PDB file of N, CA and C in Angstrom:
ATOM      1  N   UNK A   1      71.495-139.480 -81.060  1.00  0.00           N
ATOM      2  CA  UNK A   1      72.774-139.557 -81.731  1.00  0.00           C
ATOM      3  C   UNK A   1      73.615-138.320 -81.409  1.00  0.00           C
ATOM      4  N   UNK A   2      72.969-137.196 -81.384  1.00  0.00           N
ATOM      5  CA  UNK A   2      73.676-135.952 -81.076  1.00  0.00           C
ATOM      6  C   UNK A   2      74.216-135.981 -79.646  1.00  0.00           C
ATOM      7  N   UNK A   3      73.404-136.514 -78.718  1.00  0.00           N
ATOM      8  CA  UNK A   3      73.861-136.610 -77.329  1.00  0.00           C
ATOM      9  C   UNK A   3      75.082-137.513 -77.226  1.00  0.00           C
ATOM     10  N   UNK A   4      75.077-138.584 -78.003  1.00  0.00           N
ATOM     11  CA  UNK A   4      76.203-139.513 -77.999  1.00  0.00           C
ATOM     12  C   UNK A   4      77.480-138.818 -78.460  1.00  0.00           C
ATOM     13  N   UNK A   5      77.353-138.021 -79.509  1.00  0.00           N
ATOM     14  CA  UNK A   5      78.519-137.287 -80.023  1.00  0.00           C
ATOM     15  C   UNK A   5      79.035-136.301 -78.980  1.00  0.00           C
ATOM     16  N   UNK A   6      78.097-135.620 -78.316  1.00  0.00           N
ATOM     17  CA  UNK A   6      78.489-134.657 -77.289  1.00  0.00           C
ATOM     18  C   UNK A   6      79.202-135.347 -76.137  1.00  0.00           C
ATOM     19  N   UNK A   7      78.658-136.487 -75.693  1.00  0.00           N
ATOM     20  CA  UNK A   7      79.265-137.221 -74.581  1.00  0.00           C
ATOM     21  C   UNK A   7      80.653-137.726 -74.964  1.00  0.00           C
ATOM     22  N   UNK A   8      80.788-138.203 -76.192  1.00  0.00           N
ATOM     23  CA  UNK A   8      82.088-138.703 -76.638  1.00  0.00           C
ATOM     24  C   UNK A   8      83.105-137.567 -76.631  1.00  0.00           C
ATOM     25  N   UNK A   9      82.731-136.417 -77.137  1.00  0.00           N
ATOM     26  CA  UNK A   9      83.621-135.262 -77.134  1.00  0.00           C
ATOM     27  C   UNK A   9      83.983-134.874 -75.704  1.00  0.00           C
ATOM     28  N   UNK A  10      82.998-134.956 -74.821  1.00  0.00           N
ATOM     29  CA  UNK A  10      83.229-134.619 -73.414  1.00  0.00           C
ATOM     30  C   UNK A  10      84.245-135.585 -72.793  1.00  0.00           C
ATOM     31  N   UNK A  11      84.053-136.888 -73.002  1.00  0.00           N
ATOM     32  CA  UNK A  11      84.994-137.879 -72.472  1.00  0.00           C
ATOM     33  C   UNK A  11      86.397-137.671 -73.038  1.00  0.00           C
ATOM     34  N   UNK A  12      86.485-137.411 -74.332  1.00  0.00           N
ATOM     35  CA  UNK A  12      87.791-137.227 -74.953  1.00  0.00           C
ATOM     36  C   UNK A  12      88.493-135.981 -74.430  1.00  0.00           C
ATOM     37  N   UNK A  13      87.726-134.929 -74.183  1.00  0.00           N
ATOM     38  CA  UNK A  13      88.305-133.702 -73.628  1.00  0.00           C
ATOM     39  C   UNK A  13      88.839-133.957 -72.225  1.00  0.00           C
ATOM     40  N   UNK A  14      88.076-134.690 -71.434  1.00  0.00           N
ATOM     41  CA  UNK A  14      88.522-135.006 -70.072  1.00  0.00           C
ATOM     42  C   UNK A  14      89.772-135.876 -70.125  1.00  0.00           C
ATOM     43  N   UNK A  15      89.756-136.885 -71.000  1.00  0.00           N
ATOM     44  CA  UNK A  15      90.893-137.806 -71.097  1.00  0.00           C
ATOM     45  C   UNK A  15      92.159-137.098 -71.560  1.00  0.00           C
ATOM     46  N   UNK A  16      92.015-136.055 -72.368  1.00  0.00           N
ATOM     47  CA  UNK A  16      93.201-135.353 -72.865  1.00  0.00           C
ATOM     48  C   UNK A  16      93.911-134.577 -71.763  1.00  0.00           C
ATOM     49  N   UNK A  17      93.188-134.241 -70.700  1.00  0.00           N
ATOM     50  CA  UNK A  17      93.797-133.490 -69.601  1.00  0.00           C
ATOM     51  C   UNK A  17      93.992-134.326 -68.346  1.00  0.00           C
ATOM     52  N   UNK A  18      93.329-135.476 -68.268  1.00  0.00           N
ATOM     53  CA  UNK A  18      93.395-136.314 -67.067  1.00  0.00           C
ATOM     54  C   UNK A  18      93.786-137.728 -67.481  1.00  0.00           C
ATOM     55  N   UNK A  19      95.034-138.103 -67.224  1.00  0.00           N
ATOM     56  CA  UNK A  19      95.521-139.410 -67.668  1.00  0.00           C
ATOM     57  C   UNK A  19      94.899-140.563 -66.894  1.00  0.00           C
ATOM     58  N   UNK A  20      94.214-140.289 -65.793  1.00  0.00           N
ATOM     59  CA  UNK A  20      93.586-141.367 -65.035  1.00  0.00           C
ATOM     60  C   UNK A  20      92.275-141.825 -65.663  1.00  0.00           C
ATOM     61  N   UNK A  21      91.762-141.059 -66.620  1.00  0.00           N
ATOM     62  CA  UNK A  21      90.518-141.428 -67.297  1.00  0.00           C
ATOM     63  C   UNK A  21      90.829-142.474 -68.354  1.00  0.00           C
ATOM     64  N   UNK A  22      90.114-143.585 -68.257  1.00  0.00           N
ATOM     65  CA  UNK A  22      90.298-144.688 -69.198  1.00  0.00           C
ATOM     66  C   UNK A  22      89.191-144.637 -70.244  1.00  0.00           C
ATOM     67  N   UNK A  23      89.580-144.530 -71.498  1.00  0.00           N
ATOM     68  CA  UNK A  23      88.588-144.430 -72.574  1.00  0.00           C
ATOM     69  C   UNK A  23      88.170-145.790 -73.132  1.00  0.00           C
ATOM     70  N   UNK A  24      88.634-146.863 -72.486  1.00  0.00           N
ATOM     71  CA  UNK A  24      88.265-148.192 -72.940  1.00  0.00           C
ATOM     72  C   UNK A  24      86.753-148.376 -72.807  1.00  0.00           C
ATOM     73  N   UNK A  25      86.149-148.945 -73.798  1.00  0.00           N
ATOM     74  CA  UNK A  25      84.697-149.168 -73.830  1.00  0.00           C
ATOM     75  C   UNK A  25      83.904-147.869 -73.719  1.00  0.00           C
ATOM     76  N   UNK A  26      84.455-146.798 -74.243  1.00  0.00           N
ATOM     77  CA  UNK A  26      83.800-145.495 -74.149  1.00  0.00           C
ATOM     78  C   UNK A  26      82.414-145.512 -74.792  1.00  0.00           C
ATOM     79  N   UNK A  27      82.291-146.191 -75.932  1.00  0.00           N
ATOM     80  CA  UNK A  27      80.993-146.221 -76.615  1.00  0.00           C
ATOM     81  C   UNK A  27      79.928-146.889 -75.756  1.00  0.00           C
ATOM     82  N   UNK A  28      80.282-147.979 -75.088  1.00  0.00           N
ATOM     83  CA  UNK A  28      79.310-148.650 -74.224  1.00  0.00           C
ATOM     84  C   UNK A  28      78.904-147.755 -73.052  1.00  0.00           C
ATOM     85  N   UNK A  29      79.880-147.052 -72.481  1.00  0.00           N
ATOM     86  CA  UNK A  29      79.553-146.143 -71.373  1.00  0.00           C
ATOM     87  C   UNK A  29      78.638-145.012 -71.833  1.00  0.00           C
ATOM     88  N   UNK A  30      78.915-144.492 -73.014  1.00  0.00           N
ATOM     89  CA  UNK A  30      78.100-143.391 -73.533  1.00  0.00           C
ATOM     90  C   UNK A  30      76.679-143.871 -73.805  1.00  0.00           C
ATOM     91  N   UNK A  31      76.542-145.030 -74.416  1.00  0.00           N
ATOM     92  CA  UNK A  31      75.208-145.575 -74.693  1.00  0.00           C
ATOM     93  C   UNK A  31      74.452-145.753 -73.381  1.00  0.00           C
ATOM     94  N   UNK A  32      75.138-146.266 -72.372  1.00  0.00           N
ATOM     95  CA  UNK A  32      74.496-146.453 -71.068  1.00  0.00           C
ATOM     96  C   UNK A  32      74.039-145.119 -70.493  1.00  0.00           C
ATOM     97  N   UNK A  33      74.898-144.104 -70.596  1.00  0.00           N
ATOM     98  CA  UNK A  33      74.534-142.786 -70.071  1.00  0.00           C
ATOM     99  C   UNK A  33      73.387-142.155 -70.843  1.00  0.00           C
ATOM    100  N   UNK A  34      73.431-142.262 -72.162  1.00  0.00           N
ATOM    101  CA  UNK A  34      72.438-141.587 -72.999  1.00  0.00           C
ATOM    102  C   UNK A  34      71.098-142.315 -72.984  1.00  0.00           C
ATOM    103  N   UNK A  35      71.130-143.647 -73.104  1.00  0.00           N
ATOM    104  CA  UNK A  35      69.887-144.408 -73.223  1.00  0.00           C
ATOM    105  C   UNK A  35      69.444-145.075 -71.935  1.00  0.00           C
ATOM    106  N   UNK A  36      70.327-145.176 -70.972  1.00  0.00           N
ATOM    107  CA  UNK A  36      70.002-145.866 -69.741  1.00  0.00           C
ATOM    108  C   UNK A  36      70.492-147.297 -69.796  1.00  0.00           C
ATOM    109  N   UNK A  37      70.672-147.928 -68.639  1.00  0.00           N
ATOM    110  CA  UNK A  37      71.253-149.271 -68.604  1.00  0.00           C
ATOM    111  C   UNK A  37      70.408-150.336 -69.309  1.00  0.00           C
ATOM    112  N   UNK A  38      69.082-150.227 -69.266  1.00  0.00           N
ATOM    113  CA  UNK A  38      68.230-151.237 -69.901  1.00  0.00           C
ATOM    114  C   UNK A  38      68.398-151.202 -71.418  1.00  0.00           C
ATOM    115  N   UNK A  39      68.390-150.004 -71.976  1.00  0.00           N
ATOM    116  CA  UNK A  39      68.498-149.859 -73.426  1.00  0.00           C
ATOM    117  C   UNK A  39      69.886-150.225 -73.920  1.00  0.00           C
ATOM    118  N   UNK A  40      70.901-149.970 -73.116  1.00  0.00           N
ATOM    119  CA  UNK A  40      72.259-150.217 -73.582  1.00  0.00           C
ATOM    120  C   UNK A  40      72.534-151.702 -73.743  1.00  0.00           C
ATOM    121  N   UNK A  41      71.819-152.550 -73.019  1.00  0.00           N
ATOM    122  CA  UNK A  41      72.043-153.993 -73.123  1.00  0.00           C
ATOM    123  C   UNK A  41      71.786-154.508 -74.528  1.00  0.00           C
ATOM    124  N   UNK A  42      70.825-153.924 -75.216  1.00  0.00           N
ATOM    125  CA  UNK A  42      70.532-154.405 -76.560  1.00  0.00           C
ATOM    126  C   UNK A  42      71.627-154.047 -77.558  1.00  0.00           C
ATOM    127  N   UNK A  43      72.471-153.067 -77.231  1.00  0.00           N
ATOM    128  CA  UNK A  43      73.552-152.666 -78.129  1.00  0.00           C
ATOM    129  C   UNK A  43      74.849-153.407 -77.850  1.00  0.00           C
ATOM    130  N   UNK A  44      74.944-154.019 -76.684  1.00  0.00           N
ATOM    131  CA  UNK A  44      76.162-154.739 -76.331  1.00  0.00           C
ATOM    132  C   UNK A  44      76.047-156.180 -76.823  1.00  0.00           C
ATOM    133  N   UNK A  45      77.066-156.646 -77.516  1.00  0.00           N
ATOM    134  CA  UNK A  45      77.007-158.015 -78.025  1.00  0.00           C
ATOM    135  C   UNK A  45      77.142-159.030 -76.898  1.00  0.00           C
ATOM    136  N   UNK A  46      76.559-160.203 -77.102  1.00  0.00           N
ATOM    137  CA  UNK A  46      76.727-161.274 -76.129  1.00  0.00           C
ATOM    138  C   UNK A  46      78.162-161.778 -76.225  1.00  0.00           C
ATOM    139  N   UNK A  47      78.553-162.580 -75.246  1.00  0.00           N
ATOM    140  CA  UNK A  47      79.923-163.094 -75.248  1.00  0.00           C
ATOM    141  C   UNK A  47      80.190-163.933 -76.493  1.00  0.00           C
ATOM    142  N   UNK A  48      79.224-164.752 -76.880  1.00  0.00           N
ATOM    143  CA  UNK A  48      79.429-165.596 -78.063  1.00  0.00           C
ATOM    144  C   UNK A  48      79.504-164.738 -79.335  1.00  0.00           C
ATOM    145  N   UNK A  49      78.705-163.664 -79.394  1.00  0.00           N
ATOM    146  CA  UNK A  49      78.789-162.758 -80.544  1.00  0.00           C
ATOM    147  C   UNK A  49      80.148-162.075 -80.576  1.00  0.00           C
ATOM    148  N   UNK A  50      80.614-161.665 -79.415  1.00  0.00           N
ATOM    149  CA  UNK A  50      81.917-161.000 -79.336  1.00  0.00           C
ATOM    150  C   UNK A  50      83.021-161.966 -79.753  1.00  0.00           C
ATOM    151  N   UNK A  51      82.946-163.219 -79.290  1.00  0.00           N
ATOM    152  CA  UNK A  51      83.956-164.208 -79.662  1.00  0.00           C
ATOM    153  C   UNK A  51      83.916-164.481 -81.160  1.00  0.00           C
ATOM    154  N   UNK A  52      82.716-164.565 -81.724  1.00  0.00           N
ATOM    155  CA  UNK A  52      82.585-164.791 -83.166  1.00  0.00           C
ATOM    156  C   UNK A  52      83.188-163.620 -83.940  1.00  0.00           C
ATOM    157  N   UNK A  53      82.949-162.406 -83.460  1.00  0.00           N
ATOM    158  CA  UNK A  53      83.503-161.219 -84.127  1.00  0.00           C
ATOM    159  C   UNK A  53      85.022-161.204 -84.016  1.00  0.00           C
ATOM    160  N   UNK A  54      85.548-161.567 -82.850  1.00  0.00           N
ATOM    161  CA  UNK A  54      87.000-161.634 -82.671  1.00  0.00           C
ATOM    162  C   UNK A  54      87.584-162.660 -83.632  1.00  0.00           C
ATOM    163  N   UNK A  55      86.944-163.821 -83.739  1.00  0.00           N
ATOM    164  CA  UNK A  55      87.439-164.851 -84.647  1.00  0.00           C
ATOM    165  C   UNK A  55      87.372-164.377 -86.098  1.00  0.00           C
ATOM    166  N   UNK A  56      86.287-163.709 -86.449  1.00  0.00           N
ATOM    167  CA  UNK A  56      86.147-163.180 -87.813  1.00  0.00           C
ATOM    168  C   UNK A  56      87.276-162.195 -88.109  1.00  0.00           C
ATOM    169  N   UNK A  57      87.561-161.332 -87.152  1.00  0.00           N
ATOM    170  CA  UNK A  57      88.631-160.352 -87.337  1.00  0.00           C
ATOM    171  C   UNK A  57      90.001-161.020 -87.407  1.00  0.00           C
ATOM    172  N   UNK A  58      90.214-162.059 -86.596  1.00  0.00           N
ATOM    173  CA  UNK A  58      91.481-162.796 -86.672  1.00  0.00           C
ATOM    174  C   UNK A  58      91.646-163.450 -88.032  1.00  0.00           C
ATOM    175  N   UNK A  59      90.565-164.050 -88.525  1.00  0.00           N
ATOM    176  CA  UNK A  59      90.615-164.664 -89.854  1.00  0.00           C
ATOM    177  C   UNK A  59      90.916-163.620 -90.925  1.00  0.00           C
ATOM    178  N   UNK A  60      90.289-162.462 -90.787  1.00  0.00           N
ATOM    179  CA  UNK A  60      90.508-161.382 -91.749  1.00  0.00           C
ATOM    180  C   UNK A  60      91.969-160.909 -91.690  1.00  0.00           C
ATOM    181  N   UNK A  61      92.520-160.796 -90.503  1.00  0.00           N
ATOM    182  CA  UNK A  61      93.918-160.391 -90.351  1.00  0.00           C
ATOM    183  C   UNK A  61      94.839-161.423 -90.983  1.00  0.00           C
ATOM    184  N   UNK A  62      94.563-162.704 -90.731  1.00  0.00           N
ATOM    185  CA  UNK A  62      95.391-163.771 -91.308  1.00  0.00           C
ATOM    186  C   UNK A  62      95.340-163.723 -92.832  1.00  0.00           C
ATOM    187  N   UNK A  63      94.165-163.495 -93.357  1.00  0.00           N
ATOM    188  CA  UNK A  63      94.011-163.412 -94.811  1.00  0.00           C
ATOM    189  C   UNK A  63      94.789-162.207 -95.361  1.00  0.00           C
ATOM    190  N   UNK A  64      94.718-161.090 -94.669  1.00  0.00           N
ATOM    191  CA  UNK A  64      95.446-159.899 -95.097  1.00  0.00           C
ATOM    192  C   UNK A  64      96.956-160.137 -95.027  1.00  0.00           C
ATOM    193  N   UNK A  65      97.401-160.847 -93.995  1.00  0.00           N
ATOM    194  CA  UNK A  65      98.821-161.140 -93.869  1.00  0.00           C
ATOM    195  C   UNK A  65      99.300-162.020 -95.020  1.00  0.00           C
ATOM    196  N   UNK A  66      98.495-163.026 -95.362  1.00  0.00           N
ATOM    197  CA  UNK A  66      98.859-163.903 -96.472  1.00  0.00           C
ATOM    198  C   UNK A  66      98.917-163.115 -97.777  1.00  0.00           C
ATOM    199  N   UNK A  67      97.951-162.254 -97.969  1.00  0.00           N
ATOM    200  CA  UNK A  67      97.924-161.434 -99.176  1.00  0.00           C
ATOM    201  C   UNK A  67      99.141-160.522 -99.233  1.00  0.00           C
ATOM    202  N   UNK A  68      99.496-159.958 -98.101  1.00  0.00           N
ATOM    203  CA  UNK A  68     100.658-159.073 -98.035  1.00  0.00           C
ATOM    204  C   UNK A  68     101.938-159.835 -98.359  1.00  0.00           C
ATOM    205  N   UNK A  69     102.076-161.036 -97.815  1.00  0.00           N
ATOM    206  CA  UNK A  69     103.255-161.849 -98.095  1.00  0.00           C
ATOM    207  C   UNK A  69     103.322-162.163 -99.587  1.00  0.00           C
ATOM    208  N   UNK A  70     102.188-162.516-100.174  1.00  0.00           N
ATOM    209  CA  UNK A  70     102.155-162.804-101.613  1.00  0.00           C
ATOM    210  C   UNK A  70     102.573-161.575-102.426  1.00  0.00           C
ATOM    211  N   UNK A  71     102.107-160.413-102.017  1.00  0.00           N
ATOM    212  CA  UNK A  71     102.475-159.188-102.720  1.00  0.00           C
ATOM    213  C   UNK A  71     103.971-158.906-102.574  1.00  0.00           C
ATOM    214  N   UNK A  72     104.516-159.138-101.402  1.00  0.00           N
ATOM    215  CA  UNK A  72     105.948-158.916-101.171  1.00  0.00           C
ATOM    216  C   UNK A  72     106.764-159.847-102.053  1.00  0.00           C
ATOM    217  N   UNK A  73     106.369-161.102-102.116  1.00  0.00           N
ATOM    218  CA  UNK A  73     107.082-162.067-102.951  1.00  0.00           C
ATOM    219  C   UNK A  73     107.040-161.631-104.411  1.00  0.00           C
ATOM    220  N   UNK A  74     105.892-161.181-104.863  1.00  0.00           N
ATOM    221  CA  UNK A  74     105.758-160.727-106.251  1.00  0.00           C
ATOM    222  C   UNK A  74     106.637-159.508-106.526  1.00  0.00           C
ATOM    223  N   UNK A  75     106.666-158.567-105.598  1.00  0.00           N
ATOM    224  CA  UNK A  75     107.508-157.374-105.770  1.00  0.00           C
ATOM    225  C   UNK A  75     108.980-157.773-105.788  1.00  0.00           C
ATOM    226  N   UNK A  76     109.371-158.690-104.919  1.00  0.00           N
ATOM    227  CA  UNK A  76     110.760-159.147-104.911  1.00  0.00           C
ATOM    228  C   UNK A  76     111.123-159.828-106.232  1.00  0.00           C
ATOM    229  N   UNK A  77     110.220-160.640-106.750  1.00  0.00           N
ATOM    230  CA  UNK A  77     110.458-161.313-108.028  1.00  0.00           C
ATOM    231  C   UNK A  77     110.651-160.290-109.141  1.00  0.00           C
ATOM    232  N   UNK A  78     109.791-159.270-109.181  1.00  0.00           N
ATOM    233  CA  UNK A  78     109.915-158.220-110.196  1.00  0.00           C
ATOM    234  C   UNK A  78     111.208-157.435-110.018  1.00  0.00           C
ATOM    235  N   UNK A  79     111.566-157.155-108.781  1.00  0.00           N
ATOM    236  CA  UNK A  79     112.809-156.427-108.497  1.00  0.00           C
ATOM    237  C   UNK A  79     114.018-157.209-109.001  1.00  0.00           C
ATOM    238  N   UNK A  80     114.047-158.505-108.697  1.00  0.00           N
ATOM    239  CA  UNK A  80     115.156-159.340-109.145  1.00  0.00           C
ATOM    240  C   UNK A  80     115.221-159.391-110.672  1.00  0.00           C
ATOM    241  N   UNK A  81     114.077-159.456-111.309  1.00  0.00           N
ATOM    242  CA  UNK A  81     114.040-159.457-112.770  1.00  0.00           C
ATOM    243  C   UNK A  81     114.598-158.145-113.322  1.00  0.00           C
ATOM    244  N   UNK A  82     114.200-157.033-112.727  1.00  0.00           N
ATOM    245  CA  UNK A  82     114.711-155.729-113.166  1.00  0.00           C
ATOM    246  C   UNK A  82     116.211-155.601-112.906  1.00  0.00           C
ATOM    247  N   UNK A  83     116.661-156.126-111.783  1.00  0.00           N
ATOM    248  CA  UNK A  83     118.095-156.088-111.481  1.00  0.00           C
ATOM    249  C   UNK A  83     118.873-156.884-112.538  1.00  0.00           C
ATOM    250  N   UNK A  84     118.329-158.032-112.922  1.00  0.00           N
ATOM    251  CA  UNK A  84     118.989-158.843-113.945  1.00  0.00           C
ATOM    252  C   UNK A  84     119.020-158.099-115.283  1.00  0.00           C
ATOM    253  N   UNK A  85     117.917-157.448-115.620  1.00  0.00           N
ATOM    254  CA  UNK A  85     117.882-156.658-116.860  1.00  0.00           C
ATOM    255  C   UNK A  85     118.915-155.543-116.821  1.00  0.00           C
ATOM    256  N   UNK A  86     119.040-154.897-115.693  1.00  0.00           N
ATOM    257  CA  UNK A  86     120.016-153.816-115.538  1.00  0.00           C
ATOM    258  C   UNK A  86     121.444-154.339-115.711  1.00  0.00           C
ATOM    259  N   UNK A  87     121.754-155.481-115.103  1.00  0.00           N
ATOM    260  CA  UNK A  87     123.083-156.074-115.255  1.00  0.00           C
ATOM    261  C   UNK A  87     123.362-156.401-116.720  1.00  0.00           C
ATOM    262  N   UNK A  88     122.361-156.958-117.385  1.00  0.00           N
ATOM    263  CA  UNK A  88     122.517-157.305-118.794  1.00  0.00           C
ATOM    264  C   UNK A  88     122.773-156.053-119.628  1.00  0.00           C
ATOM    265  N   UNK A  89     122.028-154.996-119.395  1.00  0.00           N
ATOM    266  CA  UNK A  89     122.207-153.747-120.142  1.00  0.00           C
ATOM    267  C   UNK A  89     123.571-153.119-119.864  1.00  0.00           C
ATOM    268  N   UNK A  90     124.030-153.193-118.642  1.00  0.00           N
ATOM    269  CA  UNK A  90     125.357-152.654-118.307  1.00  0.00           C
ATOM    270  C   UNK A  90     126.454-153.431-119.042  1.00  0.00           C
ATOM    271  N   UNK A  91     126.287-154.748-119.064  1.00  0.00           N
ATOM    272  CA  UNK A  91     127.273-155.563-119.781  1.00  0.00           C
ATOM    273  C   UNK A  91     127.289-155.208-121.271  1.00  0.00           C
ATOM    274  N   UNK A  92     126.127-155.009-121.837  1.00  0.00           N
ATOM    275  CA  UNK A  92     126.044-154.635-123.250  1.00  0.00           C
ATOM    276  C   UNK A  92     126.699-153.286-123.498  1.00  0.00           C
ATOM    277  N   UNK A  93     126.488-152.341-122.612  1.00  0.00           N
ATOM    278  CA  UNK A  93     127.120-151.021-122.741  1.00  0.00           C
ATOM    279  C   UNK A  93     128.634-151.129-122.664  1.00  0.00           C
ATOM    280  N   UNK A  94     129.145-151.935-121.754  1.00  0.00           N
ATOM    281  CA  UNK A  94     130.595-152.114-121.621  1.00  0.00           C
ATOM    282  C   UNK A  94     131.179-152.701-122.906  1.00  0.00           C
ATOM    283  N   UNK A  95     130.486-153.673-123.464  1.00  0.00           N
ATOM    284  CA  UNK A  95     130.953-154.296-124.698  1.00  0.00           C
ATOM    285  C   UNK A  95     130.979-153.275-125.830  1.00  0.00           C
ATOM    286  N   UNK A  96     129.940-152.445-125.899  1.00  0.00           N
ATOM    287  CA  UNK A  96     129.864-151.425-126.957  1.00  0.00           C
ATOM    288  C   UNK A  96     131.012-150.430-126.809  1.00  0.00           C
ATOM    289  N   UNK A  97     131.335-150.059-125.588  1.00  0.00           N
ATOM    290  CA  UNK A  97     132.422-149.088-125.349  1.00  0.00           C
ATOM    291  C   UNK A  97     133.779-149.684-125.715  1.00  0.00           C
ATOM    292  N   UNK A  98     133.940-150.987-125.509  1.00  0.00           N
ATOM    293  CA  UNK A  98     135.207-151.640-125.782  1.00  0.00           C
ATOM    294  C   UNK A  98     135.443-151.796-127.292  1.00  0.00           C
ATOM    295  N   UNK A  99     134.415-151.759-128.064  1.00  0.00           N
ATOM    296  CA  UNK A  99     134.548-151.956-129.522  1.00  0.00           C
ATOM    297  C   UNK A  99     134.986-150.728-130.225  1.00  0.00           C
TER     298      UNK A  99
END
């Protein structure tokens, strides 16, 4: 684990000074370097596992988006209610001043 952290720091340091270094799949490369190619295969998901994870994440994003929309609608409803209360209070104040 310590070697993995060191390698990650090393890659990130190189990438910060060399824009040609691609950090995509850095964890897989580090595992391969630290444990060897045979051991790294057990840590890499199969294509079907990766697709299932992508689908799970898409579903989670969709659910979060729906929740966010619901929250926005609720906030807008409360805002409109408060705006109406404010208008009503202003009208009452005007009436009181006119009396």
